[in-house]
Amino acid sequence: MKRALTLIFIVILTIALIYALVHYVGVQGLPFAISLNFLLMGCVFAFTETLKSQLSSPYFHEKAWERGGKVYESVGINLYRKLLVGIGWEKLHKQSKPVRKNIDALRFLHYKTKQDELAHLIIFIIVLGFGIFVAFKFGVIYSLWLFVLNILLNLYPILLQRFNRPRLERAIQISRSRYGEW
């Protein structure tokens, strides 16, 4: 019951913060696009951390068309990974979620890929909604920052999690077969 109330509070607070952002900043331009994305990142992170779901939905399973990661490579996921390394995100990320060489750490990292993907998917949908609204209300030119940042800050991270998760699953399988754990 406490968790449900906390989740409801997070949703209400998020709506209130978005309302304040729209009221004080407006919905056009780069400042709104950046603020909306980072506001939602904080709120959705709080939501998914509180939710503590097992995230066992079939959505998170690798699809046949994803096998081998070729589709992700064709849309530039390796270039995006290099961009993350270049701006220092990968180093910061490894400090907050270090990768240790044991099966429990691999399982935790596997779970975090699902949690991060869910968070970015929620944000992607919300920002896409704002982008479409702004495009219809004010014109496409005013919504470009929303669409560009949504692709860079949400769509590519979703693709990256889906690209990385099968590799983690293989590492877990190898570890399990080698050490008999799981």
Protein backbone atom coordinates (compact mmCIF):
# COMPACT_ATOMS: atom_id res chain seq x y z
CA MET A 1 0.00 0.00 0.00
CA LYS A 2 2.85 2.36 0.88
CA ARG A 3 4.55 1.67 -2.45
CA ALA A 4 1.31 2.32 -4.37
CA LEU A 5 0.86 5.65 -2.60
CA THR A 6 4.47 6.57 -3.33
CA LEU A 7 4.01 5.75 -7.02
CA ILE A 8 0.83 7.85 -7.16
CA PHE A 9 2.65 10.71 -5.44
CA ILE A 10 5.51 10.50 -7.98
CA VAL A 11 3.03 10.66 -10.88
CA ILE A 12 1.18 13.64 -9.36
CA LEU A 13 4.45 15.43 -8.62
CA THR A 14 5.65 14.78 -12.18
CA ILE A 15 2.47 16.24 -13.63
CA ALA A 16 2.77 19.29 -11.38
CA LEU A 17 6.41 19.83 -12.34
CA ILE A 18 5.63 19.49 -16.04
CA TYR A 19 2.77 21.99 -15.64
CA ALA A 20 5.15 24.45 -13.95
CA LEU A 21 7.73 23.90 -16.68
CA VAL A 22 5.16 24.56 -19.42
CA HIS A 23 3.84 27.60 -17.56
CA TYR A 24 7.20 29.25 -16.84
CA VAL A 25 9.34 28.13 -19.79
CA GLY A 26 6.78 27.48 -22.54
CA VAL A 27 6.82 24.51 -24.88
CA GLN A 28 8.96 25.86 -27.68
CA GLY A 29 12.69 25.62 -28.12
CA LEU A 30 15.77 24.05 -26.69
CA PRO A 31 15.37 25.13 -23.02
CA PHE A 32 12.01 23.37 -22.78
CA ALA A 33 13.24 20.25 -24.59
CA ILE A 34 16.28 19.90 -22.31
CA SER A 35 14.33 20.69 -19.15
CA LEU A 36 11.51 18.29 -20.00
CA ASN A 37 13.87 15.41 -20.72
CA PHE A 38 15.92 15.84 -17.56
CA LEU A 39 12.85 16.46 -15.40
CA LEU A 40 11.32 13.26 -16.72
CA MET A 41 14.58 11.36 -16.24
CA GLY A 42 14.56 12.22 -12.54
CA CYS A 43 10.88 11.48 -12.04
CA VAL A 44 10.83 8.26 -14.06
CA PHE A 45 13.99 7.06 -12.31
CA ALA A 46 12.22 7.57 -8.97
CA PHE A 47 9.17 5.75 -10.35
CA THR A 48 11.05 2.71 -11.67
CA GLU A 49 13.21 2.45 -8.53
CA THR A 50 10.07 2.50 -6.39
CA LEU A 51 8.21 0.08 -8.66
CA LYS A 52 10.83 -2.68 -8.22
CA SER A 53 9.10 -4.86 -10.81
CA GLN A 54 10.73 -8.10 -12.00
CA LEU A 55 10.31 -6.80 -15.58
CA SER A 56 9.61 -10.28 -16.89
CA SER A 57 7.38 -9.17 -19.76
CA PRO A 58 7.99 -10.81 -23.15
CA TYR A 59 8.67 -7.27 -24.42
CA PHE A 60 12.16 -7.53 -22.91
CA HIS A 61 12.99 -10.78 -24.72
CA GLU A 62 15.16 -10.66 -27.82
CA LYS A 63 13.10 -10.83 -31.01
CA ALA A 64 14.11 -12.87 -34.05
CA TRP A 65 14.81 -9.74 -36.11
CA GLU A 66 17.17 -8.44 -33.39
CA ARG A 67 19.43 -11.50 -33.30
CA GLY A 68 23.05 -10.65 -33.90
CA GLY A 69 22.41 -6.93 -33.45
CA LYS A 70 22.74 -6.17 -37.16
CA VAL A 71 19.62 -3.99 -37.20
CA TYR A 72 21.06 -1.86 -34.37
CA GLU A 73 24.43 -1.63 -36.05
CA SER A 74 22.73 -0.46 -39.25
CA VAL A 75 21.14 2.50 -37.42
CA GLY A 76 24.47 3.56 -35.92
CA ILE A 77 24.42 2.08 -32.41
CA ASN A 78 28.22 1.64 -32.44
CA LEU A 79 28.66 5.30 -33.35
CA TYR A 80 26.30 6.21 -30.49
CA ARG A 81 28.36 4.06 -28.11
CA LYS A 82 31.51 5.90 -29.21
CA LEU A 83 29.72 9.21 -28.64
CA LEU A 84 28.88 8.13 -25.07
CA VAL A 85 32.52 7.22 -24.44
CA GLY A 86 33.67 10.51 -26.02
CA ILE A 87 31.49 12.68 -23.78
CA GLY A 88 32.46 10.72 -20.66
CA TRP A 89 29.06 9.12 -20.03
CA GLU A 90 30.44 5.58 -20.14
CA LYS A 91 33.04 6.38 -17.45
CA LEU A 92 30.39 8.02 -15.25
CA HIS A 93 28.01 5.11 -15.82
CA LYS A 94 30.65 2.52 -14.89
CA GLN A 95 31.32 4.38 -11.63
CA SER A 96 27.65 4.23 -10.63
CA LYS A 97 27.10 0.67 -11.94
CA PRO A 98 30.49 -1.09 -11.86
CA VAL A 99 30.81 -4.36 -13.72
CA ARG A 100 32.31 -7.09 -11.60
CA LYS A 101 33.25 -10.51 -12.88
CA ASN A 102 30.65 -12.64 -11.12
CA ILE A 103 27.25 -13.96 -12.03
CA ASP A 104 25.34 -11.85 -9.49
CA ALA A 105 26.81 -8.68 -10.94
CA LEU A 106 25.88 -9.84 -14.44
CA ARG A 107 22.32 -10.58 -13.33
CA PHE A 108 22.05 -7.17 -11.70
CA LEU A 109 23.36 -5.47 -14.83
CA HIS A 110 20.90 -7.50 -16.92
CA TYR A 111 18.04 -6.28 -14.71
CA LYS A 112 19.29 -2.68 -14.93
CA THR A 113 19.20 -2.84 -18.75
CA LYS A 114 15.50 -3.67 -18.50
CA GLN A 115 14.87 -0.97 -15.91
CA ASP A 116 16.74 1.65 -17.93
CA GLU A 117 14.97 0.63 -21.12
CA LEU A 118 11.57 0.93 -19.43
CA ALA A 119 12.46 4.37 -18.08
CA HIS A 120 13.63 5.63 -21.47
CA LEU A 121 10.56 4.14 -23.15
CA ILE A 122 8.22 6.01 -20.78
CA ILE A 123 10.12 9.25 -21.33
CA PHE A 124 10.22 8.66 -25.09
CA ILE A 125 6.43 8.32 -25.26
CA ILE A 126 5.82 11.43 -23.13
CA VAL A 127 8.30 13.60 -25.05
CA LEU A 128 6.94 12.29 -28.36
CA GLY A 129 3.47 13.37 -27.24
CA PHE A 130 4.75 16.85 -26.43
CA GLY A 131 6.60 16.97 -29.76
CA ILE A 132 3.48 16.09 -31.72
CA PHE A 133 1.42 18.63 -29.75
CA VAL A 134 3.97 21.40 -30.34
CA ALA A 135 4.26 20.49 -34.04
CA PHE A 136 0.49 20.77 -34.53
CA LYS A 137 0.01 23.82 -32.32
CA PHE A 138 3.04 25.93 -33.30
CA GLY A 139 4.61 24.21 -36.30
CA VAL A 140 7.20 21.51 -36.87
CA ILE A 141 10.13 23.92 -36.61
CA TYR A 142 9.23 24.64 -32.97
CA SER A 143 9.18 20.96 -32.09
CA LEU A 144 12.50 19.99 -33.71
CA TRP A 145 14.48 20.15 -30.46
CA LEU A 146 11.95 17.88 -28.79
CA PHE A 147 12.28 15.31 -31.58
CA VAL A 148 16.09 15.54 -31.86
CA LEU A 149 16.68 15.25 -28.12
CA ASN A 150 14.09 12.49 -27.86
CA ILE A 151 16.03 10.46 -30.40
CA LEU A 152 19.41 11.12 -28.76
CA LEU A 153 18.36 10.90 -25.10
CA ASN A 154 15.68 8.22 -25.27
CA LEU A 155 15.40 6.25 -28.51
CA TYR A 156 19.11 5.45 -28.83
CA PRO A 157 19.41 4.44 -25.16
CA ILE A 158 16.47 2.06 -25.70
CA LEU A 159 18.22 0.58 -28.73
CA LEU A 160 21.47 0.35 -26.78
CA GLN A 161 19.84 -1.61 -23.95
CA ARG A 162 18.25 -3.98 -26.46
CA PHE A 163 21.63 -4.34 -28.20
CA ASN A 164 23.53 -5.06 -24.96
CA ARG A 165 21.07 -7.35 -23.16
CA PRO A 166 21.59 -10.46 -25.39
CA ARG A 167 25.33 -10.15 -24.83
CA LEU A 168 24.78 -10.09 -21.08
CA GLU A 169 22.48 -13.11 -21.38
CA ARG A 170 25.24 -15.01 -23.21
CA ALA A 171 27.77 -14.03 -20.53
CA ILE A 172 25.36 -15.24 -17.83
CA GLN A 173 24.88 -18.53 -19.72
CA ILE A 174 28.63 -19.02 -20.05
CA SER A 175 29.15 -18.24 -16.39
CA ARG A 176 26.34 -20.56 -15.40
CA SER A 177 27.66 -23.45 -17.47
CA ARG A 178 31.24 -22.84 -16.35
CA TYR A 179 30.53 -22.44 -12.64
CA GLY A 180 27.17 -24.18 -12.29
CA GLU A 181 25.48 -21.07 -10.88
CA TRP A 182 22.13 -19.38 -11.59
